[in-house]
Amino acid sequence: MSQITTLRTATDGGPTGRGRRHAPLVLMAAILLAFGALRLATIDGPVRLDAALSDAVTFAAGIVIESLSFVLLGVGVSIVVQLWVPMRVIAAVLPRSKVARRAVLSLLGVVFPVCECGNVPLARGLMNKGLSVSDAMTFLLAAPILNPITIITTYQAFGWSDGILVARLAGGFVLANLVGWLFDRHPDPEALLTRRFAQSCHHDDRPSSSRAIQAAQLFAHEMSAMLPALFIGAAVAGLIQVAIPRELMDGVGGHLVWGVIALMVLAFMIAICSSVDAFFALSLASSFSPGALAAFLIFGPMIDVKMVAMLRTTFKGRTILIVAGVCALGTLVIGLGVNLLV
């Protein structure tokens, strides 16, 4: 059908492909060592060093504990979609128009209120069913913001004051659909995916066994892809949290431009789940402008260190850089717009 894009068959990557798949792990390890060295160079005394490392471990463990339930939920929903939801049902529900289809997918988070880390396995499942890369990316970026849990917690934290809630919802919808539109114009959508994932979209290696066995195999496959990325992303976020002094952020809080950029950087670093990030942002309200707070609430659920690690299981590094760049520029414009209007 016209609204469903079928990916073309990819060839096996061989030794070179395996090397490329391991490249993100090497990069993450280098980042960990760099921040560890930075902290060792700036902390005086073993007691303070032990406290800093303890804080990093505690913060990373908190991210894993907070995210793991959503990852499990996302994997579970993904398995249900792949094994029990016929393709004709998905095709019948989604509009034929590409723009309308992406708009509907932007609101899918209302039905599946999963945190951003849980949306990755769900998007993988949708693409395995035949959904296009641009459609899946639109869902990935919009769902963490446009879901009832995030909307309620943001309203509880800020209400309607300074347009922060409206900016978050409208900004998330617009940026997600903008990225989806850009990727829809790509001449070779398969080039946006890792070779390993693109290959899995074409080959059904599951034996003709019961769906329970197939579900167990899918669960093992998805968790083996998601958990290493989650742990690496959480570890990087924990070390960044310790290595970069908070005073560096607070010093620019009052500036209408640099304050927006500072909170975008902070959102990327600390990787808080979108269901609770509004209350963290509320604690910064006395130091930062409404536009900076809105930027924090928009950019964080779309792109943070944990999300980048998990996206790398599915999308190429170049793809993630494009997504991050578009989201960063768009969020900056929205944040500055809020500051000019309020």
C-alpha atoms as a PDB file:
ATOM      1  CA  MET A   1       0.000   0.000   0.000  1.00  0.00           C
ATOM      2  CA  SER A   2       1.105   3.546  -0.625  1.00  0.00           C
ATOM      3  CA  GLN A   3       1.421   4.451   3.030  1.00  0.00           C
ATOM      4  CA  ILE A   4       3.677   1.541   3.902  1.00  0.00           C
ATOM      5  CA  THR A   5       7.306   1.564   2.779  1.00  0.00           C
ATOM      6  CA  THR A   6       9.052  -1.777   2.313  1.00  0.00           C
ATOM      7  CA  LEU A   7      12.758  -1.769   2.999  1.00  0.00           C
ATOM      8  CA  ARG A   8      15.066  -3.339   0.454  1.00  0.00           C
ATOM      9  CA  THR A   9      17.221  -6.316   1.304  1.00  0.00           C
ATOM     10  CA  ALA A  10      20.598  -5.512   2.841  1.00  0.00           C
ATOM     11  CA  THR A  11      23.682  -7.642   2.548  1.00  0.00           C
ATOM     12  CA  ASP A  12      25.688  -8.977   5.433  1.00  0.00           C
ATOM     13  CA  GLY A  13      28.251  -6.557   6.748  1.00  0.00           C
ATOM     14  CA  GLY A  14      31.019  -9.122   7.250  1.00  0.00           C
ATOM     15  CA  PRO A  15      34.040  -8.111   9.297  1.00  0.00           C
ATOM     16  CA  THR A  16      33.754  -4.472   8.272  1.00  0.00           C
ATOM     17  CA  GLY A  17      30.106  -4.371   9.304  1.00  0.00           C
ATOM     18  CA  ARG A  18      30.916  -5.900  12.673  1.00  0.00           C
ATOM     19  CA  GLY A  19      33.625  -3.310  13.205  1.00  0.00           C
ATOM     20  CA  ARG A  20      31.216  -0.522  12.470  1.00  0.00           C
ATOM     21  CA  ARG A  21      28.684  -1.967  14.889  1.00  0.00           C
ATOM     22  CA  HIS A  22      31.322  -1.950  17.633  1.00  0.00           C
ATOM     23  CA  ALA A  23      32.402   1.625  16.839  1.00  0.00           C
ATOM     24  CA  PRO A  24      29.730   3.259  19.078  1.00  0.00           C
ATOM     25  CA  LEU A  25      30.865   1.136  22.027  1.00  0.00           C
ATOM     26  CA  VAL A  26      34.467   2.224  21.474  1.00  0.00           C
ATOM     27  CA  LEU A  27      33.370   5.862  21.260  1.00  0.00           C
ATOM     28  CA  MET A  28      31.337   5.600  24.446  1.00  0.00           C
ATOM     29  CA  ALA A  29      34.276   3.973  26.237  1.00  0.00           C
ATOM     30  CA  ALA A  30      36.517   6.835  25.117  1.00  0.00           C
ATOM     31  CA  ILE A  31      34.012   9.338  26.453  1.00  0.00           C
ATOM     32  CA  LEU A  32      33.895   7.532  29.791  1.00  0.00           C
ATOM     33  CA  LEU A  33      37.684   7.571  30.075  1.00  0.00           C
ATOM     34  CA  ALA A  34      37.851  11.253  29.083  1.00  0.00           C
ATOM     35  CA  PHE A  35      35.374  12.348  31.708  1.00  0.00           C
ATOM     36  CA  GLY A  36      36.984  10.109  34.298  1.00  0.00           C
ATOM     37  CA  ALA A  37      40.351  11.743  33.610  1.00  0.00           C
ATOM     38  CA  LEU A  38      38.749  15.182  33.786  1.00  0.00           C
ATOM     39  CA  ARG A  39      37.295  14.425  37.162  1.00  0.00           C
ATOM     40  CA  LEU A  40      40.554  13.029  38.492  1.00  0.00           C
ATOM     41  CA  ALA A  41      42.303  16.220  37.411  1.00  0.00           C
ATOM     42  CA  THR A  42      39.831  18.534  39.128  1.00  0.00           C
ATOM     43  CA  ILE A  43      39.065  16.765  42.424  1.00  0.00           C
ATOM     44  CA  ASP A  44      41.329  17.133  45.415  1.00  0.00           C
ATOM     45  CA  GLY A  45      41.724  14.254  47.819  1.00  0.00           C
ATOM     46  CA  PRO A  46      40.525  10.624  47.861  1.00  0.00           C
ATOM     47  CA  VAL A  47      37.432  11.391  49.957  1.00  0.00           C
ATOM     48  CA  ARG A  48      36.021  13.861  47.467  1.00  0.00           C
ATOM     49  CA  LEU A  49      36.948  11.550  44.595  1.00  0.00           C
ATOM     50  CA  ASP A  50      35.129   8.634  46.213  1.00  0.00           C
ATOM     51  CA  ALA A  51      32.085  10.835  46.796  1.00  0.00           C
ATOM     52  CA  ALA A  52      32.097  12.007  43.183  1.00  0.00           C
ATOM     53  CA  LEU A  53      32.358   8.462  41.816  1.00  0.00           C
ATOM     54  CA  SER A  54      29.627   7.355  44.204  1.00  0.00           C
ATOM     55  CA  ASP A  55      27.385  10.168  42.947  1.00  0.00           C
ATOM     56  CA  ALA A  56      28.057   9.138  39.344  1.00  0.00           C
ATOM     57  CA  VAL A  57      27.187   5.506  40.033  1.00  0.00           C
ATOM     58  CA  THR A  58      24.068   6.491  41.973  1.00  0.00           C
ATOM     59  CA  PHE A  59      22.890   8.805  39.211  1.00  0.00           C
ATOM     60  CA  ALA A  60      23.528   6.202  36.500  1.00  0.00           C
ATOM     61  CA  ALA A  61      21.746   3.515  38.517  1.00  0.00           C
ATOM     62  CA  GLY A  62      18.785   5.854  38.984  1.00  0.00           C
ATOM     63  CA  ILE A  63      18.513   6.346  35.238  1.00  0.00           C
ATOM     64  CA  VAL A  64      18.615   2.586  34.621  1.00  0.00           C
ATOM     65  CA  ILE A  65      15.985   1.867  37.292  1.00  0.00           C
ATOM     66  CA  GLU A  66      13.765   4.683  36.021  1.00  0.00           C
ATOM     67  CA  SER A  67      14.057   3.584  32.399  1.00  0.00           C
ATOM     68  CA  LEU A  68      14.044  -0.199  32.640  1.00  0.00           C
ATOM     69  CA  SER A  69      10.314  -0.575  33.226  1.00  0.00           C
ATOM     70  CA  PHE A  70       9.603   1.574  30.162  1.00  0.00           C
ATOM     71  CA  VAL A  71      12.049  -0.444  28.066  1.00  0.00           C
ATOM     72  CA  LEU A  72      10.281  -3.645  29.108  1.00  0.00           C
ATOM     73  CA  LEU A  73       6.907  -2.115  28.309  1.00  0.00           C
ATOM     74  CA  GLY A  74       8.152  -0.887  24.937  1.00  0.00           C
ATOM     75  CA  VAL A  75       9.566  -4.306  24.064  1.00  0.00           C
ATOM     76  CA  GLY A  76       6.319  -5.955  25.131  1.00  0.00           C
ATOM     77  CA  VAL A  77       4.181  -3.651  23.004  1.00  0.00           C
ATOM     78  CA  SER A  78       6.596  -4.135  20.092  1.00  0.00           C
ATOM     79  CA  ILE A  79       6.232  -7.921  20.305  1.00  0.00           C
ATOM     80  CA  VAL A  80       2.440  -7.659  20.384  1.00  0.00           C
ATOM     81  CA  VAL A  81       2.494  -5.410  17.309  1.00  0.00           C
ATOM     82  CA  GLN A  82       4.822  -7.729  15.396  1.00  0.00           C
ATOM     83  CA  LEU A  83       3.116 -11.027  16.218  1.00  0.00           C
ATOM     84  CA  TRP A  84      -0.534 -10.230  16.829  1.00  0.00           C
ATOM     85  CA  VAL A  85      -1.373  -7.068  14.859  1.00  0.00           C
ATOM     86  CA  PRO A  86      -1.834  -7.767  11.121  1.00  0.00           C
ATOM     87  CA  MET A  87      -0.283  -5.332   8.683  1.00  0.00           C
ATOM     88  CA  ARG A  88      -3.693  -4.693   7.141  1.00  0.00           C
ATOM     89  CA  VAL A  89      -4.923  -3.320  10.487  1.00  0.00           C
ATOM     90  CA  ILE A  90      -2.042  -0.831  10.706  1.00  0.00           C
ATOM     91  CA  ALA A  91      -2.571   0.166   7.077  1.00  0.00           C
ATOM     92  CA  ALA A  92      -6.312   0.624   7.611  1.00  0.00           C
ATOM     93  CA  VAL A  93      -5.858   2.868  10.657  1.00  0.00           C
ATOM     94  CA  LEU A  94      -3.208   5.191   9.213  1.00  0.00           C
ATOM     95  CA  PRO A  95      -4.208   7.855   6.652  1.00  0.00           C
ATOM     96  CA  ARG A  96      -2.924   7.526   3.100  1.00  0.00           C
ATOM     97  CA  SER A  97      -1.537  11.073   3.023  1.00  0.00           C
ATOM     98  CA  LYS A  98       2.053  11.105   4.262  1.00  0.00           C
ATOM     99  CA  VAL A  99       1.607  14.381   6.156  1.00  0.00           C
ATOM    100  CA  ALA A 100      -1.612  13.202   7.831  1.00  0.00           C
ATOM    101  CA  ARG A 101      -0.068   9.814   8.617  1.00  0.00           C
ATOM    102  CA  ARG A 102       2.887  11.390  10.401  1.00  0.00           C
ATOM    103  CA  ALA A 103       0.528  13.698  12.295  1.00  0.00           C
ATOM    104  CA  VAL A 104      -1.422  10.660  13.532  1.00  0.00           C
ATOM    105  CA  LEU A 105       1.782   8.849  14.474  1.00  0.00           C
ATOM    106  CA  SER A 106       2.838  11.934  16.450  1.00  0.00           C
ATOM    107  CA  LEU A 107      -0.164  11.333  18.700  1.00  0.00           C
ATOM    108  CA  LEU A 108       0.440   7.595  19.116  1.00  0.00           C
ATOM    109  CA  GLY A 109       2.023   8.345  22.477  1.00  0.00           C
ATOM    110  CA  VAL A 110      -1.485   9.024  23.799  1.00  0.00           C
ATOM    111  CA  VAL A 111      -2.265   5.330  23.239  1.00  0.00           C
ATOM    112  CA  PHE A 112       1.192   4.071  24.279  1.00  0.00           C
ATOM    113  CA  PRO A 113       2.375   6.375  27.106  1.00  0.00           C
ATOM    114  CA  VAL A 114       5.912   4.991  27.108  1.00  0.00           C
ATOM    115  CA  CYS A 115       9.040   6.925  28.051  1.00  0.00           C
ATOM    116  CA  GLU A 116      11.447   7.807  25.234  1.00  0.00           C
ATOM    117  CA  CYS A 117      13.699   4.816  25.932  1.00  0.00           C
ATOM    118  CA  GLY A 118      10.735   2.450  25.622  1.00  0.00           C
ATOM    119  CA  ASN A 119       9.686   3.963  22.307  1.00  0.00           C
ATOM    120  CA  VAL A 120      12.845   2.743  20.548  1.00  0.00           C
ATOM    121  CA  PRO A 121      11.918  -0.969  20.629  1.00  0.00           C
ATOM    122  CA  LEU A 122       8.341  -0.077  19.704  1.00  0.00           C
ATOM    123  CA  ALA A 123       9.539   1.912  16.685  1.00  0.00           C
ATOM    124  CA  ARG A 124      11.791  -0.998  15.707  1.00  0.00           C
ATOM    125  CA  GLY A 125       8.759  -3.268  15.805  1.00  0.00           C
ATOM    126  CA  LEU A 126       6.729  -0.895  13.660  1.00  0.00           C
ATOM    127  CA  MET A 127       9.500  -0.739  11.061  1.00  0.00           C
ATOM    128  CA  ASN A 128       9.735  -4.527  11.092  1.00  0.00           C
ATOM    129  CA  LYS A 129       6.034  -4.514  10.204  1.00  0.00           C
ATOM    130  CA  GLY A 130       6.735  -2.234   7.240  1.00  0.00           C
ATOM    131  CA  LEU A 131       6.399   1.310   8.563  1.00  0.00           C
ATOM    132  CA  SER A 132       8.727   3.783   6.848  1.00  0.00           C
ATOM    133  CA  VAL A 133      11.818   5.268   8.468  1.00  0.00           C
ATOM    134  CA  SER A 134      10.372   8.798   8.363  1.00  0.00           C
ATOM    135  CA  ASP A 135       7.133   7.653  10.009  1.00  0.00           C
ATOM    136  CA  ALA A 136       8.979   5.769  12.746  1.00  0.00           C
ATOM    137  CA  MET A 137      11.269   8.726  13.449  1.00  0.00           C
ATOM    138  CA  THR A 138       8.270  11.062  13.732  1.00  0.00           C
ATOM    139  CA  PHE A 139       6.736   8.741  16.307  1.00  0.00           C
ATOM    140  CA  LEU A 140      10.030   8.406  18.193  1.00  0.00           C
ATOM    141  CA  LEU A 141      10.473  12.163  18.625  1.00  0.00           C
ATOM    142  CA  ALA A 142       6.867  13.111  19.347  1.00  0.00           C
ATOM    143  CA  ALA A 143       5.627  10.288  21.576  1.00  0.00           C
ATOM    144  CA  PRO A 144       7.739  11.106  24.680  1.00  0.00           C
ATOM    145  CA  ILE A 145       6.208  14.606  24.754  1.00  0.00           C
ATOM    146  CA  LEU A 146       2.701  14.033  23.392  1.00  0.00           C
ATOM    147  CA  ASN A 147       1.543  11.455  25.889  1.00  0.00           C
ATOM    148  CA  PRO A 148      -0.849  11.854  28.837  1.00  0.00           C
ATOM    149  CA  ILE A 149       1.725  11.268  31.599  1.00  0.00           C
ATOM    150  CA  THR A 150       4.079  13.953  30.303  1.00  0.00           C
ATOM    151  CA  ILE A 151       1.249  16.398  29.660  1.00  0.00           C
ATOM    152  CA  ILE A 152      -0.206  15.957  33.163  1.00  0.00           C
ATOM    153  CA  THR A 153       3.133  16.281  34.970  1.00  0.00           C
ATOM    154  CA  THR A 154       4.059  19.370  32.939  1.00  0.00           C
ATOM    155  CA  TYR A 155       0.697  20.955  33.752  1.00  0.00           C
ATOM    156  CA  GLN A 156       1.113  20.132  37.440  1.00  0.00           C
ATOM    157  CA  ALA A 157       4.544  21.753  37.452  1.00  0.00           C
ATOM    158  CA  PHE A 158       3.837  24.903  35.405  1.00  0.00           C
ATOM    159  CA  GLY A 159       0.118  25.104  34.658  1.00  0.00           C
ATOM    160  CA  TRP A 160      -0.522  27.553  31.825  1.00  0.00           C
ATOM    161  CA  SER A 161       2.050  30.068  33.059  1.00  0.00           C
ATOM    162  CA  ASP A 162       4.444  31.653  30.528  1.00  0.00           C
ATOM    163  CA  GLY A 163       3.248  29.334  27.757  1.00  0.00           C
ATOM    164  CA  ILE A 164       5.707  26.602  28.773  1.00  0.00           C
ATOM    165  CA  LEU A 165       3.187  23.763  28.432  1.00  0.00           C
ATOM    166  CA  VAL A 166       1.884  25.020  25.080  1.00  0.00           C
ATOM    167  CA  ALA A 167       5.425  25.555  23.782  1.00  0.00           C
ATOM    168  CA  ARG A 168       6.398  22.032  24.801  1.00  0.00           C
ATOM    169  CA  LEU A 169       3.433  20.328  23.129  1.00  0.00           C
ATOM    170  CA  ALA A 170       3.422  22.456  19.974  1.00  0.00           C
ATOM    171  CA  GLY A 171       7.217  22.407  19.688  1.00  0.00           C
ATOM    172  CA  GLY A 172       7.406  18.635  20.075  1.00  0.00           C
ATOM    173  CA  PHE A 173       4.738  18.096  17.432  1.00  0.00           C
ATOM    174  CA  VAL A 174       6.256  20.523  14.925  1.00  0.00           C
ATOM    175  CA  LEU A 175       9.862  19.336  15.292  1.00  0.00           C
ATOM    176  CA  ALA A 176       8.926  15.653  15.084  1.00  0.00           C
ATOM    177  CA  ASN A 177       6.950  16.215  11.907  1.00  0.00           C
ATOM    178  CA  LEU A 178       9.691  18.417  10.467  1.00  0.00           C
ATOM    179  CA  VAL A 179      12.267  15.651  10.926  1.00  0.00           C
ATOM    180  CA  GLY A 180       9.814  13.131   9.480  1.00  0.00           C
ATOM    181  CA  TRP A 181       9.249  15.336   6.437  1.00  0.00           C
ATOM    182  CA  LEU A 182      12.992  15.747   5.876  1.00  0.00           C
ATOM    183  CA  PHE A 183      13.626  12.013   6.070  1.00  0.00           C
ATOM    184  CA  ASP A 184      10.677  11.313   3.797  1.00  0.00           C
ATOM    185  CA  ARG A 185      12.492  13.276   1.095  1.00  0.00           C
ATOM    186  CA  HIS A 186      15.630  11.118   1.459  1.00  0.00           C
ATOM    187  CA  PRO A 187      16.300   9.211  -1.788  1.00  0.00           C
ATOM    188  CA  ASP A 188      17.423   6.058   0.049  1.00  0.00           C
ATOM    189  CA  PRO A 189      15.684   5.630   3.438  1.00  0.00           C
ATOM    190  CA  GLU A 190      17.495   2.352   4.087  1.00  0.00           C
ATOM    191  CA  ALA A 191      20.787   4.268   4.169  1.00  0.00           C
ATOM    192  CA  LEU A 192      19.581   5.908   7.396  1.00  0.00           C
ATOM    193  CA  LEU A 193      19.522   2.555   9.215  1.00  0.00           C
ATOM    194  CA  THR A 194      22.312   0.400  10.555  1.00  0.00           C
ATOM    195  CA  ARG A 195      23.016  -2.517   8.248  1.00  0.00           C
ATOM    196  CA  ARG A 196      22.249  -5.013  10.984  1.00  0.00           C
ATOM    197  CA  PHE A 197      18.776  -3.636  11.672  1.00  0.00           C
ATOM    198  CA  ALA A 198      17.966  -3.130   7.995  1.00  0.00           C
ATOM    199  CA  GLN A 199      18.823  -6.779   7.430  1.00  0.00           C
ATOM    200  CA  SER A 200      16.507  -7.891  10.244  1.00  0.00           C
ATOM    201  CA  CYS A 201      13.621  -6.100   8.546  1.00  0.00           C
ATOM    202  CA  HIS A 202      13.799  -8.501   5.598  1.00  0.00           C
ATOM    203  CA  HIS A 203      14.661 -11.861   7.034  1.00  0.00           C
ATOM    204  CA  ASP A 204      12.301 -13.806   9.252  1.00  0.00           C
ATOM    205  CA  ASP A 205      14.603 -16.323  10.913  1.00  0.00           C
ATOM    206  CA  ARG A 206      12.018 -17.372  13.483  1.00  0.00           C
ATOM    207  CA  PRO A 207      10.955 -21.007  13.050  1.00  0.00           C
ATOM    208  CA  SER A 208       7.342 -21.883  12.374  1.00  0.00           C
ATOM    209  CA  SER A 209       6.671 -22.466  16.070  1.00  0.00           C
ATOM    210  CA  SER A 210       4.120 -21.209  18.535  1.00  0.00           C
ATOM    211  CA  ARG A 211       3.755 -17.485  18.997  1.00  0.00           C
ATOM    212  CA  ALA A 212       4.842 -17.877  22.615  1.00  0.00           C
ATOM    213  CA  ILE A 213       8.217 -19.202  21.462  1.00  0.00           C
ATOM    214  CA  GLN A 214       8.479 -16.500  18.812  1.00  0.00           C
ATOM    215  CA  ALA A 215       7.657 -13.865  21.445  1.00  0.00           C
ATOM    216  CA  ALA A 216      10.415 -15.208  23.700  1.00  0.00           C
ATOM    217  CA  GLN A 217      12.904 -15.083  20.829  1.00  0.00           C
ATOM    218  CA  LEU A 218      11.898 -11.519  19.952  1.00  0.00           C
ATOM    219  CA  PHE A 219      12.143 -10.488  23.607  1.00  0.00           C
ATOM    220  CA  ALA A 220      15.674 -11.886  23.890  1.00  0.00           C
ATOM    221  CA  HIS A 221      16.707 -10.201  20.636  1.00  0.00           C
ATOM    222  CA  GLU A 222      15.327  -6.776  21.556  1.00  0.00           C
ATOM    223  CA  MET A 223      16.637  -6.804  25.117  1.00  0.00           C
ATOM    224  CA  SER A 224      20.112  -7.805  23.907  1.00  0.00           C
ATOM    225  CA  ALA A 225      20.046  -4.701  21.701  1.00  0.00           C
ATOM    226  CA  MET A 226      18.457  -2.282  24.176  1.00  0.00           C
ATOM    227  CA  LEU A 227      20.091  -3.096  27.518  1.00  0.00           C
ATOM    228  CA  PRO A 228      23.751  -2.474  26.548  1.00  0.00           C
ATOM    229  CA  ALA A 229      22.745   0.851  25.012  1.00  0.00           C
ATOM    230  CA  LEU A 230      20.752   1.785  28.124  1.00  0.00           C
ATOM    231  CA  PHE A 231      23.630   0.934  30.475  1.00  0.00           C
ATOM    232  CA  ILE A 232      26.208   2.786  28.380  1.00  0.00           C
ATOM    233  CA  GLY A 233      23.996   5.868  28.057  1.00  0.00           C
ATOM    234  CA  ALA A 234      23.270   5.902  31.783  1.00  0.00           C
ATOM    235  CA  ALA A 235      26.968   5.551  32.640  1.00  0.00           C
ATOM    236  CA  VAL A 236      27.916   8.438  30.365  1.00  0.00           C
ATOM    237  CA  ALA A 237      25.142  10.600  31.847  1.00  0.00           C
ATOM    238  CA  GLY A 238      26.325   9.782  35.372  1.00  0.00           C
ATOM    239  CA  LEU A 239      29.919  10.739  34.647  1.00  0.00           C
ATOM    240  CA  ILE A 240      28.901  13.927  32.856  1.00  0.00           C
ATOM    241  CA  GLN A 241      26.717  14.885  35.807  1.00  0.00           C
ATOM    242  CA  VAL A 242      29.756  14.647  38.101  1.00  0.00           C
ATOM    243  CA  ALA A 243      32.419  16.015  35.778  1.00  0.00           C
ATOM    244  CA  ILE A 244      30.755  19.285  34.741  1.00  0.00           C
ATOM    245  CA  PRO A 245      30.177  21.761  37.584  1.00  0.00           C
ATOM    246  CA  ARG A 246      26.583  22.924  37.964  1.00  0.00           C
ATOM    247  CA  GLU A 247      27.877  26.469  38.572  1.00  0.00           C
ATOM    248  CA  LEU A 248      28.870  26.573  34.911  1.00  0.00           C
ATOM    249  CA  MET A 249      25.186  26.274  34.004  1.00  0.00           C
ATOM    250  CA  ASP A 250      23.809  28.524  36.726  1.00  0.00           C
ATOM    251  CA  GLY A 251      26.152  31.350  35.731  1.00  0.00           C
ATOM    252  CA  VAL A 252      24.365  31.866  32.410  1.00  0.00           C
ATOM    253  CA  GLY A 253      20.825  31.228  33.662  1.00  0.00           C
ATOM    254  CA  GLY A 254      19.704  34.824  33.469  1.00  0.00           C
ATOM    255  CA  HIS A 255      20.776  35.363  29.861  1.00  0.00           C
ATOM    256  CA  LEU A 256      17.904  35.064  27.369  1.00  0.00           C
ATOM    257  CA  VAL A 257      20.042  33.282  24.754  1.00  0.00           C
ATOM    258  CA  TRP A 258      22.781  31.498  26.675  1.00  0.00           C
ATOM    259  CA  GLY A 259      20.257  30.350  29.266  1.00  0.00           C
ATOM    260  CA  VAL A 260      18.342  28.491  26.549  1.00  0.00           C
ATOM    261  CA  ILE A 261      21.527  26.862  25.260  1.00  0.00           C
ATOM    262  CA  ALA A 262      22.644  25.962  28.799  1.00  0.00           C
ATOM    263  CA  LEU A 263      19.432  24.107  29.604  1.00  0.00           C
ATOM    264  CA  MET A 264      19.500  22.304  26.265  1.00  0.00           C
ATOM    265  CA  VAL A 265      23.001  21.090  27.124  1.00  0.00           C
ATOM    266  CA  LEU A 266      21.830  20.132  30.608  1.00  0.00           C
ATOM    267  CA  ALA A 267      18.856  18.220  29.194  1.00  0.00           C
ATOM    268  CA  PHE A 268      21.189  16.295  26.904  1.00  0.00           C
ATOM    269  CA  MET A 269      23.561  15.442  29.745  1.00  0.00           C
ATOM    270  CA  ILE A 270      21.314  14.364  32.604  1.00  0.00           C
ATOM    271  CA  ALA A 271      18.888  12.221  30.543  1.00  0.00           C
ATOM    272  CA  ILE A 272      15.849  12.480  32.805  1.00  0.00           C
ATOM    273  CA  CYS A 273      12.740  10.541  31.775  1.00  0.00           C
ATOM    274  CA  SER A 274      10.125  12.759  30.115  1.00  0.00           C
ATOM    275  CA  SER A 275       7.480  11.653  32.599  1.00  0.00           C
ATOM    276  CA  VAL A 276       9.232  13.437  35.487  1.00  0.00           C
ATOM    277  CA  ASP A 277      11.495  16.043  33.880  1.00  0.00           C
ATOM    278  CA  ALA A 278       8.970  18.850  34.413  1.00  0.00           C
ATOM    279  CA  PHE A 279       9.499  18.746  38.173  1.00  0.00           C
ATOM    280  CA  PHE A 280      13.259  18.934  37.720  1.00  0.00           C
ATOM    281  CA  ALA A 281      12.769  21.929  35.423  1.00  0.00           C
ATOM    282  CA  LEU A 282      10.537  23.540  38.043  1.00  0.00           C
ATOM    283  CA  SER A 283      13.486  23.543  40.462  1.00  0.00           C
ATOM    284  CA  LEU A 284      15.372  25.703  37.918  1.00  0.00           C
ATOM    285  CA  ALA A 285      12.560  28.200  37.359  1.00  0.00           C
ATOM    286  CA  SER A 286      14.032  30.813  39.708  1.00  0.00           C
ATOM    287  CA  SER A 287      17.318  30.915  37.774  1.00  0.00           C
ATOM    288  CA  PHE A 288      16.285  30.425  34.132  1.00  0.00           C
ATOM    289  CA  SER A 289      13.877  32.104  31.723  1.00  0.00           C
ATOM    290  CA  PRO A 290      10.603  30.497  30.527  1.00  0.00           C
ATOM    291  CA  GLY A 291      12.158  29.967  27.098  1.00  0.00           C
ATOM    292  CA  ALA A 292      15.077  28.082  28.617  1.00  0.00           C
ATOM    293  CA  LEU A 293      12.696  25.884  30.622  1.00  0.00           C
ATOM    294  CA  ALA A 294      10.629  25.173  27.493  1.00  0.00           C
ATOM    295  CA  ALA A 295      13.807  24.278  25.589  1.00  0.00           C
ATOM    296  CA  PHE A 296      14.824  21.876  28.355  1.00  0.00           C
ATOM    297  CA  LEU A 297      11.438  20.160  28.212  1.00  0.00           C
ATOM    298  CA  ILE A 298      11.456  19.862  24.414  1.00  0.00           C
ATOM    299  CA  PHE A 299      15.039  18.868  23.665  1.00  0.00           C
ATOM    300  CA  GLY A 300      15.633  16.380  26.493  1.00  0.00           C
ATOM    301  CA  PRO A 301      12.943  13.830  25.543  1.00  0.00           C
ATOM    302  CA  MET A 302      14.079  13.926  21.919  1.00  0.00           C
ATOM    303  CA  ILE A 303      17.862  13.824  22.257  1.00  0.00           C
ATOM    304  CA  ASP A 304      19.953  12.960  25.312  1.00  0.00           C
ATOM    305  CA  VAL A 305      22.978  10.750  25.902  1.00  0.00           C
ATOM    306  CA  LYS A 306      20.833   7.758  26.831  1.00  0.00           C
ATOM    307  CA  MET A 307      18.576   8.213  23.817  1.00  0.00           C
ATOM    308  CA  VAL A 308      21.553   8.590  21.462  1.00  0.00           C
ATOM    309  CA  ALA A 309      22.995   5.276  22.666  1.00  0.00           C
ATOM    310  CA  MET A 310      19.646   3.531  22.152  1.00  0.00           C
ATOM    311  CA  LEU A 311      19.008   5.132  18.759  1.00  0.00           C
ATOM    312  CA  ARG A 312      22.402   3.858  17.640  1.00  0.00           C
ATOM    313  CA  THR A 313      21.017   0.299  17.793  1.00  0.00           C
ATOM    314  CA  THR A 314      18.798   1.195  14.828  1.00  0.00           C
ATOM    315  CA  PHE A 315      20.055   4.334  13.057  1.00  0.00           C
ATOM    316  CA  LYS A 316      23.462   5.230  11.686  1.00  0.00           C
ATOM    317  CA  GLY A 317      25.548   7.835  13.465  1.00  0.00           C
ATOM    318  CA  ARG A 318      25.128  10.289  10.596  1.00  0.00           C
ATOM    319  CA  THR A 319      21.357   9.949  10.869  1.00  0.00           C
ATOM    320  CA  ILE A 320      21.441  10.700  14.586  1.00  0.00           C
ATOM    321  CA  LEU A 321      23.633  13.749  14.000  1.00  0.00           C
ATOM    322  CA  ILE A 322      21.104  15.128  11.513  1.00  0.00           C
ATOM    323  CA  VAL A 323      18.229  14.514  13.913  1.00  0.00           C
ATOM    324  CA  ALA A 324      20.127  16.107  16.799  1.00  0.00           C
ATOM    325  CA  GLY A 325      21.076  19.133  14.696  1.00  0.00           C
ATOM    326  CA  VAL A 326      17.549  19.786  13.443  1.00  0.00           C
ATOM    327  CA  CYS A 327      16.057  19.311  16.911  1.00  0.00           C
ATOM    328  CA  ALA A 328      18.694  21.537  18.515  1.00  0.00           C
ATOM    329  CA  LEU A 329      18.199  24.399  16.063  1.00  0.00           C
ATOM    330  CA  GLY A 330      14.421  24.092  16.221  1.00  0.00           C
ATOM    331  CA  THR A 331      14.410  23.990  20.019  1.00  0.00           C
ATOM    332  CA  LEU A 332      16.678  27.026  20.177  1.00  0.00           C
ATOM    333  CA  VAL A 333      14.290  28.995  17.955  1.00  0.00           C
ATOM    334  CA  ILE A 334      11.295  27.950  20.081  1.00  0.00           C
ATOM    335  CA  GLY A 335      13.070  28.856  23.314  1.00  0.00           C
ATOM    336  CA  LEU A 336      14.079  32.269  22.039  1.00  0.00           C
ATOM    337  CA  GLY A 337      10.548  32.804  20.713  1.00  0.00           C
ATOM    338  CA  VAL A 338       9.053  32.083  24.138  1.00  0.00           C
ATOM    339  CA  ASN A 339      11.487  34.535  25.750  1.00  0.00           C
ATOM    340  CA  LEU A 340      10.489  37.263  23.270  1.00  0.00           C
ATOM    341  CA  LEU A 341       6.755  36.697  23.771  1.00  0.00           C
ATOM    342  CA  VAL A 342       6.536  36.452  27.565  1.00  0.00           C
END
